Amino acid sequence: MLLVHGNILTMEDMNYPDGYIRIEGSEIREIGPMSEVPADETVIDLDGKTVLPGFIDAHCHLGMWEDGLGFEGDDGNESTDPVTPQLRAIDALNPLDRTFEEAWKGGITTVLTGPGSANPIAGQWAAIKTKGRRIDDMIIDAAIGMKFALGENPKNVYNEKNVTPITRMATASLIRDQLRKAERYLDDKERADEDEDFDEPEYDAKCEALIPVLERKQKAFFHCHRADDIFTAIRIAKEFKLDLVLVHATEGYMIRDLLAGENLRVISGPVLCDRSKPEMRNLNIEGPALLHDAGIHAALCTDHPVIPIQYLPLCAGLTVGAGLEREEALKSITIYAAEAAGIEDRVGSIVPGKDADLVIYDEDADPCGPYDRPVMVFINGEKVLG
């Protein structure tokens, strides 16, 4: 399949105001100016339309809280145990929930989704495509990272139960304790492999789930809003050499000079949101722009269902109005989001070899505006809209 005469914004160093994209199967095979267009049997003439990589919501709970349901569709928090690393998002996701369709119709082709922030260690997040009927066919990575949570949420949930943790100290302590157990468990497994006289430890699902995190094969996604919680996340990550990603980082802009030297990833947002709890009292729409000015290229998220997922591009537009450059705002929902997740080899920009996930707008449309919607969407090379 050949798409021709498109205004292609690759989210890389080179754009093509009048270019082509050749799709083979589920991948992008070629991209270039129309002067170099190859022959092809199946041609779609875009007639000047704007082409972007599929949008990525770097932090949401799509499919975990089903739309229009109460307890029956609430599978986002196993708040009966504060430490649940063994839980897997893919066992809760329902791709037939109507918000998946709203996502891909809005141009969001990839999401990171998983359990919420009730537990200090909540479980394994997944990176998935948004179109499909069976979650197993939609997976990019079934365990892209582990969700940790600091601050108010674990405190509030377990204070109501009158069990640990009800303080920030206890929340951090539970995380450390479980990570230490996983370290010891891993050491014992490795020793048993090397020494036949040493017994392998009894199977522990929690420790098993944390081994890839300790080995930096999975990201450590830390929910944190306040500046002090951000530094606690950094402290724990350094202690255990975790591949840290800060999620929300509402007060990150207030400590941006200190964060700039940490060389870490940030997922910011939601920005289209009220100050719904005390730890969000310093929420500032200018936050992503201020982080960018400090050299921190934050991804954006909706935290769906906090903000309906189809409004991710609008969130990017709001940051433009608050001082972020338009190209940077688009990168915050494409390549920066992919990099935060560690899936930039698959998605996030229009490059040969990556998945053919594309969002196409009319020539005069504003992808970040409140009125315009995609006229075509491709996921894995399949035209799902238009």
Protein backbone atom coordinates (compact mmCIF):
# COMPACT_ATOMS: atom_id res chain seq x y z
CA MET A 1 0.00 0.00 0.00
CA LEU A 2 1.25 3.45 -0.90
CA LEU A 3 0.09 6.72 0.67
CA VAL A 4 1.04 9.68 -1.52
CA HIS A 5 0.95 13.48 -1.41
CA GLY A 6 0.84 13.68 2.37
CA ASN A 7 2.25 16.39 4.63
CA ILE A 8 4.21 13.93 6.72
CA LEU A 9 5.28 14.99 10.22
CA THR A 10 7.57 12.15 11.25
CA MET A 11 8.40 13.32 14.82
CA GLU A 12 12.03 12.76 13.80
CA ASP A 13 14.60 15.10 12.23
CA MET A 14 13.12 15.08 8.70
CA ASN A 15 9.58 15.97 7.61
CA TYR A 16 8.07 15.68 4.13
CA PRO A 17 5.64 18.46 3.10
CA ASP A 18 4.75 16.45 -0.02
CA GLY A 19 5.77 12.89 0.65
CA TYR A 20 4.84 9.23 0.45
CA ILE A 21 4.73 6.29 2.84
CA ARG A 22 4.87 2.68 1.67
CA ILE A 23 3.26 0.15 4.00
CA GLU A 24 4.00 -3.54 3.75
CA GLY A 25 1.96 -5.76 6.03
CA SER A 26 1.93 -4.15 9.46
CA GLU A 27 5.10 -2.07 9.00
CA ILE A 28 6.29 1.11 7.40
CA ARG A 29 8.76 0.10 4.68
CA GLU A 30 9.63 3.38 2.96
CA ILE A 31 9.14 7.09 3.43
CA GLY A 32 10.34 9.92 1.26
CA PRO A 33 9.53 12.91 -0.97
CA MET A 34 7.17 12.51 -3.91
CA SER A 35 10.11 12.97 -6.27
CA GLU A 36 11.26 9.49 -5.17
CA VAL A 37 7.89 7.75 -5.05
CA PRO A 38 7.95 4.10 -6.18
CA ALA A 39 5.32 2.37 -8.29
CA ASP A 40 2.63 0.53 -6.38
CA GLU A 41 -0.65 -1.18 -7.23
CA THR A 42 -2.61 0.13 -4.24
CA VAL A 43 -2.39 3.90 -3.90
CA ILE A 44 -4.23 6.25 -1.55
CA ASP A 45 -3.88 9.90 -2.56
CA LEU A 46 -3.90 12.02 0.60
CA ASP A 47 -4.11 15.27 -1.38
CA GLY A 48 -2.12 17.34 1.10
CA LYS A 49 -3.56 15.89 4.29
CA THR A 50 -1.40 15.93 7.43
CA VAL A 51 0.07 12.60 8.50
CA LEU A 52 1.26 11.94 12.05
CA PRO A 53 2.36 8.82 13.91
CA GLY A 54 -0.38 7.20 15.94
CA PHE A 55 -0.87 8.98 19.26
CA ILE A 56 0.26 7.26 22.47
CA ASP A 57 -1.28 7.71 25.90
CA ALA A 58 1.65 7.01 28.19
CA HIS A 59 -0.44 6.49 31.32
CA CYS A 60 -4.10 5.56 31.46
CA HIS A 61 -6.39 2.87 32.80
CA LEU A 62 -8.17 2.04 29.55
CA GLY A 63 -10.13 -1.18 29.97
CA MET A 64 -9.51 -1.36 33.72
CA TRP A 65 -12.55 0.71 34.70
CA GLU A 66 -15.24 -0.05 32.16
CA ASP A 67 -17.39 2.78 30.89
CA GLY A 68 -20.79 3.24 32.49
CA LEU A 69 -20.39 0.47 35.05
CA GLY A 70 -19.89 0.49 38.79
CA PHE A 71 -18.27 -2.29 40.81
CA GLU A 72 -18.98 -4.85 38.08
CA GLY A 73 -16.58 -3.10 35.71
CA ASP A 74 -14.08 -1.91 38.31
CA ASP A 75 -10.94 -4.01 37.96
CA GLY A 76 -8.36 -1.31 38.53
CA ASN A 77 -7.34 -1.66 42.19
CA GLU A 78 -6.94 -4.85 44.25
CA SER A 79 -7.15 -2.89 47.48
CA THR A 80 -7.21 -5.95 49.74
CA ASP A 81 -3.41 -6.18 49.89
CA PRO A 82 -1.06 -3.19 49.63
CA VAL A 83 1.64 -5.19 47.80
CA THR A 84 0.45 -6.94 44.63
CA PRO A 85 3.26 -7.03 42.04
CA GLN A 86 2.02 -10.40 40.77
CA LEU A 87 -1.11 -8.89 39.22
CA ARG A 88 -1.14 -8.46 35.44
CA ALA A 89 -3.14 -5.82 33.60
CA ILE A 90 -3.82 -8.12 30.66
CA ASP A 91 -5.99 -10.29 32.91
CA ALA A 92 -8.37 -7.38 33.54
CA LEU A 93 -8.52 -5.60 30.19
CA ASN A 94 -11.75 -5.74 28.22
CA PRO A 95 -11.08 -4.55 24.66
CA LEU A 96 -14.79 -4.63 23.87
CA ASP A 97 -15.38 -1.71 26.21
CA ARG A 98 -16.58 1.16 24.02
CA THR A 99 -13.80 3.50 25.15
CA PHE A 100 -11.32 1.51 23.03
CA GLU A 101 -13.26 2.58 19.95
CA GLU A 102 -13.31 6.16 21.20
CA ALA A 103 -9.53 5.92 21.58
CA TRP A 104 -8.69 4.82 18.04
CA LYS A 105 -11.28 7.11 16.49
CA GLY A 106 -9.46 9.92 18.30
CA GLY A 107 -6.13 8.81 16.84
CA ILE A 108 -4.80 7.11 19.98
CA THR A 109 -3.39 3.86 18.63
CA THR A 110 -1.21 2.74 21.56
CA VAL A 111 -1.69 3.00 25.31
CA LEU A 112 0.08 2.06 28.50
CA THR A 113 -2.60 0.79 30.82
CA GLY A 114 -2.86 -1.10 34.07
CA PRO A 115 -3.83 -1.03 37.74
CA GLY A 116 -4.33 2.17 39.67
CA SER A 117 -2.52 3.74 42.59
CA ALA A 118 -4.30 2.32 45.62
CA ASN A 119 -1.36 0.03 46.42
CA PRO A 120 2.29 0.91 47.03
CA ILE A 121 3.06 -1.87 44.53
CA ALA A 122 0.05 -2.33 42.27
CA GLY A 123 1.03 -4.73 39.49
CA GLN A 124 2.30 -5.12 35.95
CA TRP A 125 1.36 -2.64 33.26
CA ALA A 126 0.88 -3.46 29.58
CA ALA A 127 1.57 -1.62 26.33
CA ILE A 128 -1.19 -2.43 23.86
CA LYS A 129 -2.78 -1.29 20.61
CA THR A 130 -6.30 0.07 20.91
CA LYS A 131 -8.01 -1.93 18.12
CA GLY A 132 -8.98 -5.55 18.54
CA ARG A 133 -11.34 -8.01 20.17
CA ARG A 134 -8.84 -10.23 22.01
CA ILE A 135 -6.24 -8.58 24.20
CA ASP A 136 -3.67 -11.24 23.34
CA ASP A 137 -3.68 -9.98 19.73
CA MET A 138 -3.21 -6.34 20.76
CA ILE A 139 -0.14 -6.61 22.98
CA ILE A 140 3.12 -4.78 22.35
CA ASP A 141 4.47 -5.81 25.76
CA ALA A 142 2.33 -7.65 28.30
CA ALA A 143 4.54 -6.51 31.18
CA ILE A 144 6.11 -3.23 30.13
CA GLY A 145 6.66 -2.15 33.73
CA MET A 146 5.63 -2.28 37.36
CA LYS A 147 3.29 0.28 38.90
CA PHE A 148 4.32 1.77 42.26
CA ALA A 149 2.46 4.50 44.12
CA LEU A 150 3.46 7.12 46.68
CA GLY A 151 1.53 9.86 48.42
CA GLU A 152 -2.14 10.26 49.24
CA ASN A 153 -3.75 7.36 47.44
CA PRO A 154 -2.27 4.42 49.39
CA LYS A 155 -2.61 6.45 52.62
CA ASN A 156 -6.31 7.10 52.05
CA VAL A 157 -7.18 3.58 50.94
CA TYR A 158 -5.53 1.81 53.86
CA ASN A 159 -6.36 4.42 56.51
CA GLU A 160 -10.00 3.52 55.90
CA LYS A 161 -9.10 -0.10 56.63
CA ASN A 162 -6.91 0.84 59.61
CA VAL A 163 -3.98 -1.17 58.26
CA THR A 164 -0.52 -0.29 56.96
CA PRO A 165 0.28 1.98 55.20
CA ILE A 166 -1.28 5.13 56.59
CA THR A 167 1.88 7.25 56.32
CA ARG A 168 4.36 8.05 53.57
CA MET A 169 7.01 6.34 55.68
CA ALA A 170 5.10 3.08 55.70
CA THR A 171 4.38 3.26 51.98
CA ALA A 172 8.08 3.59 51.17
CA SER A 173 8.93 0.91 53.72
CA LEU A 174 6.57 -1.62 52.15
CA ILE A 175 8.09 -0.98 48.73
CA ARG A 176 11.62 -1.37 50.04
CA ASP A 177 10.76 -4.48 52.02
CA GLN A 178 9.26 -6.26 49.02
CA LEU A 179 12.13 -5.24 46.74
CA ARG A 180 14.63 -6.55 49.32
CA LYS A 181 12.74 -9.84 49.52
CA ALA A 182 12.83 -10.06 45.73
CA GLU A 183 16.58 -9.37 45.74
CA ARG A 184 17.18 -12.15 48.27
CA TYR A 185 14.89 -14.48 46.34
CA LEU A 186 16.79 -13.78 43.11
CA ASP A 187 20.13 -14.32 44.85
CA ASP A 188 18.93 -17.66 46.19
CA LYS A 189 17.67 -18.74 42.76
CA GLU A 190 21.00 -17.86 41.17
CA ARG A 191 22.93 -19.63 43.91
CA ALA A 192 20.79 -22.75 43.47
CA ASP A 193 21.60 -22.72 39.75
CA GLU A 194 25.31 -22.62 40.54
CA ASP A 195 25.40 -24.94 43.56
CA GLU A 196 23.50 -28.21 43.41
CA ASP A 197 23.73 -28.54 47.20
CA PHE A 198 21.83 -25.29 47.69
CA ASP A 199 18.02 -25.63 47.62
CA GLU A 200 16.05 -23.37 45.29
CA PRO A 201 13.70 -21.06 47.24
CA GLU A 202 10.03 -21.91 47.45
CA TYR A 203 8.09 -20.27 44.64
CA ASP A 204 6.97 -16.71 45.49
CA ALA A 205 4.73 -15.02 42.93
CA LYS A 206 5.42 -11.52 44.28
CA CYS A 207 9.18 -11.92 44.14
CA GLU A 208 9.04 -13.56 40.70
CA ALA A 209 7.11 -10.59 39.36
CA LEU A 210 9.71 -8.12 40.64
CA ILE A 211 12.77 -9.90 39.21
CA PRO A 212 12.46 -8.22 35.76
CA VAL A 213 12.16 -4.85 37.53
CA LEU A 214 15.34 -5.47 39.53
CA GLU A 215 17.08 -6.58 36.34
CA ARG A 216 15.91 -3.38 34.55
CA LYS A 217 14.02 -5.42 31.98
CA GLN A 218 10.85 -3.62 33.04
CA LYS A 219 10.25 0.02 33.89
CA ALA A 220 9.44 1.16 37.41
CA PHE A 221 6.47 3.52 36.98
CA PHE A 222 6.13 5.59 40.17
CA HIS A 223 2.88 7.48 40.75
CA CYS A 224 3.88 10.69 42.56
CA HIS A 225 2.47 14.21 42.64
CA ARG A 226 4.25 16.16 45.39
CA ALA A 227 7.89 17.18 45.14
CA ASP A 228 8.83 15.19 48.24
CA ASP A 229 7.20 12.06 46.80
CA ILE A 230 9.09 12.59 43.56
CA PHE A 231 12.35 12.58 45.49
CA THR A 232 11.31 9.47 47.41
CA ALA A 233 10.74 7.71 44.09
CA ILE A 234 14.20 8.79 42.92
CA ARG A 235 15.75 7.69 46.23
CA ILE A 236 14.20 4.20 46.06
CA ALA A 237 15.09 3.85 42.38
CA LYS A 238 18.72 4.64 43.11
CA GLU A 239 18.82 2.21 46.03
CA PHE A 240 17.65 -0.66 43.83
CA LYS A 241 19.01 0.58 40.47
CA LEU A 242 15.52 0.69 38.94
CA ASP A 243 14.68 2.06 35.49
CA LEU A 244 12.52 4.87 36.87
CA VAL A 245 9.69 6.71 35.14
CA LEU A 246 7.89 9.44 37.11
CA VAL A 247 4.14 9.41 36.54
CA HIS A 248 2.14 12.64 37.00
CA ALA A 249 4.95 14.60 38.70
CA THR A 250 2.49 17.44 39.29
CA GLU A 251 5.03 19.50 41.23
CA GLY A 252 7.89 18.51 38.93
CA TYR A 253 8.05 21.99 37.42
CA MET A 254 8.76 23.39 40.92
CA ILE A 255 11.93 21.28 41.18
CA ARG A 256 12.82 21.18 37.49
CA ASP A 257 16.36 22.40 38.04
CA LEU A 258 16.96 19.48 40.41
CA LEU A 259 15.28 16.95 38.13
CA ALA A 260 17.21 18.08 35.08
CA GLY A 261 20.39 16.37 36.27
CA GLU A 262 18.71 13.07 37.07
CA ASN A 263 18.39 11.83 33.46
CA LEU A 264 14.96 10.26 33.95
CA ARG A 265 11.67 10.07 32.12
CA VAL A 266 8.52 11.94 33.13
CA ILE A 267 4.89 11.31 32.18
CA SER A 268 3.00 14.51 32.95
CA GLY A 269 -0.70 15.01 33.42
CA PRO A 270 -3.53 14.97 33.24
CA VAL A 271 -3.43 18.70 32.52
CA LEU A 272 -7.12 19.01 31.65
CA CYS A 273 -8.07 18.44 35.26
CA ASP A 274 -9.16 20.10 38.47
CA ARG A 275 -7.12 20.12 41.67
CA SER A 276 -9.09 17.19 42.96
CA LYS A 277 -7.00 16.41 46.05
CA PRO A 278 -4.51 18.22 48.30
CA GLU A 279 -1.38 16.78 46.66
CA MET A 280 -2.52 18.32 43.34
CA ARG A 281 -2.95 21.82 44.73
CA ASN A 282 0.03 23.07 42.71
CA LEU A 283 -1.20 21.68 39.38
CA ASN A 284 -0.16 24.16 36.71
CA ILE A 285 -1.00 24.00 33.01
CA GLU A 286 2.41 25.56 32.31
CA GLY A 287 4.15 22.58 33.98
CA PRO A 288 5.05 20.62 30.80
CA ALA A 289 6.46 23.76 29.13
CA LEU A 290 8.56 24.58 32.19
CA LEU A 291 9.88 21.00 32.28
CA HIS A 292 10.74 21.28 28.59
CA ASP A 293 12.62 24.52 29.19
CA ALA A 294 14.71 22.65 31.76
CA GLY A 295 15.55 19.96 29.21
CA ILE A 296 13.01 17.40 30.44
CA HIS A 297 10.90 16.16 27.53
CA ALA A 298 7.81 14.93 29.32
CA ALA A 299 5.19 12.72 27.76
CA LEU A 300 1.53 13.57 28.33
CA CYS A 301 -1.27 11.35 29.59
CA THR A 302 -5.01 11.49 30.21
CA ASP A 303 -5.07 9.09 33.18
CA HIS A 304 -8.30 7.82 31.57
CA PRO A 305 -11.00 7.61 32.83
CA VAL A 306 -9.97 10.75 34.75
CA ILE A 307 -9.96 12.50 31.37
CA PRO A 308 -11.65 10.60 28.50
CA ILE A 309 -8.87 9.17 26.37
CA GLN A 310 -10.02 10.71 23.08
CA TYR A 311 -9.06 14.14 24.44
CA LEU A 312 -5.34 13.35 24.58
CA PRO A 313 -4.60 15.54 21.50
CA LEU A 314 -6.62 18.36 23.07
CA CYS A 315 -4.47 18.07 26.20
CA ALA A 316 -1.43 18.55 23.97
CA GLY A 317 -3.09 21.63 22.51
CA LEU A 318 -3.66 23.10 25.95
CA THR A 319 0.06 22.85 26.67
CA VAL A 320 0.73 24.79 23.46
CA GLY A 321 -1.48 27.57 24.77
CA ALA A 322 0.54 27.44 27.99
CA GLY A 323 3.89 27.95 26.29
CA LEU A 324 5.02 24.57 24.90
CA GLU A 325 6.14 24.56 21.28
CA ARG A 326 3.61 22.86 19.00
CA GLU A 327 6.08 20.27 17.72
CA GLU A 328 7.10 19.46 21.28
CA ALA A 329 3.45 19.07 22.27
CA LEU A 330 2.94 16.59 19.42
CA LYS A 331 6.09 14.74 20.44
CA SER A 332 4.72 14.50 23.98
CA ILE A 333 1.95 12.23 22.68
CA THR A 334 4.09 10.36 20.16
CA ILE A 335 7.85 9.83 20.36
CA TYR A 336 8.37 11.06 23.95
CA ALA A 337 5.57 8.78 25.13
CA ALA A 338 7.14 5.84 23.28
CA GLU A 339 10.54 6.60 24.81
CA ALA A 340 9.08 6.80 28.31
CA ALA A 341 7.69 3.31 27.82
CA GLY A 342 10.76 1.93 26.09
CA ILE A 343 8.79 1.02 22.94
CA GLU A 344 10.29 3.61 20.59
CA ASP A 345 11.58 0.80 18.37
CA ARG A 346 7.94 -0.01 17.51
CA VAL A 347 5.92 3.20 17.67
CA GLY A 348 6.10 6.94 18.21
CA SER A 349 7.44 8.18 14.88
CA ILE A 350 7.17 7.52 11.17
CA VAL A 351 10.30 5.53 10.37
CA PRO A 352 10.89 2.47 8.18
CA GLY A 353 10.68 -0.67 10.28
CA LYS A 354 8.21 0.72 12.80
CA ASP A 355 4.56 -0.27 13.07
CA ALA A 356 2.33 1.36 10.46
CA ASP A 357 0.28 3.34 12.99
CA LEU A 358 -0.78 6.62 11.37
CA VAL A 359 -3.23 9.42 12.11
CA ILE A 360 -4.33 11.60 9.21
CA TYR A 361 -6.07 14.98 9.36
CA ASP A 362 -7.50 17.25 6.69
CA GLU A 363 -5.02 19.77 5.34
CA ASP A 364 -6.38 22.74 7.28
CA ALA A 365 -7.19 20.82 10.48
CA ASP A 366 -5.48 21.34 13.82
CA PRO A 367 -4.67 17.99 15.47
CA CYS A 368 -4.39 19.77 18.83
CA GLY A 369 -7.60 21.76 18.50
CA PRO A 370 -11.05 21.15 19.97
CA TYR A 371 -12.96 20.84 16.68
CA ASP A 372 -10.99 18.67 14.26
CA ARG A 373 -10.90 14.88 14.28
CA PRO A 374 -8.83 12.39 12.27
CA VAL A 375 -10.20 11.49 8.85
CA MET A 376 -8.10 8.31 8.63
CA VAL A 377 -6.42 6.07 11.17
CA PHE A 378 -4.14 3.11 10.49
CA ILE A 379 -3.14 0.54 13.11
CA ASN A 380 -0.59 -2.12 12.17
CA GLY A 381 -1.08 -1.19 8.52
CA GLU A 382 -4.84 -1.69 8.62
CA LYS A 383 -7.09 1.27 7.87
CA VAL A 384 -9.51 1.30 10.79
CA LEU A 385 -11.03 4.73 10.08
CA GLY A 386 -11.72 6.55 6.83
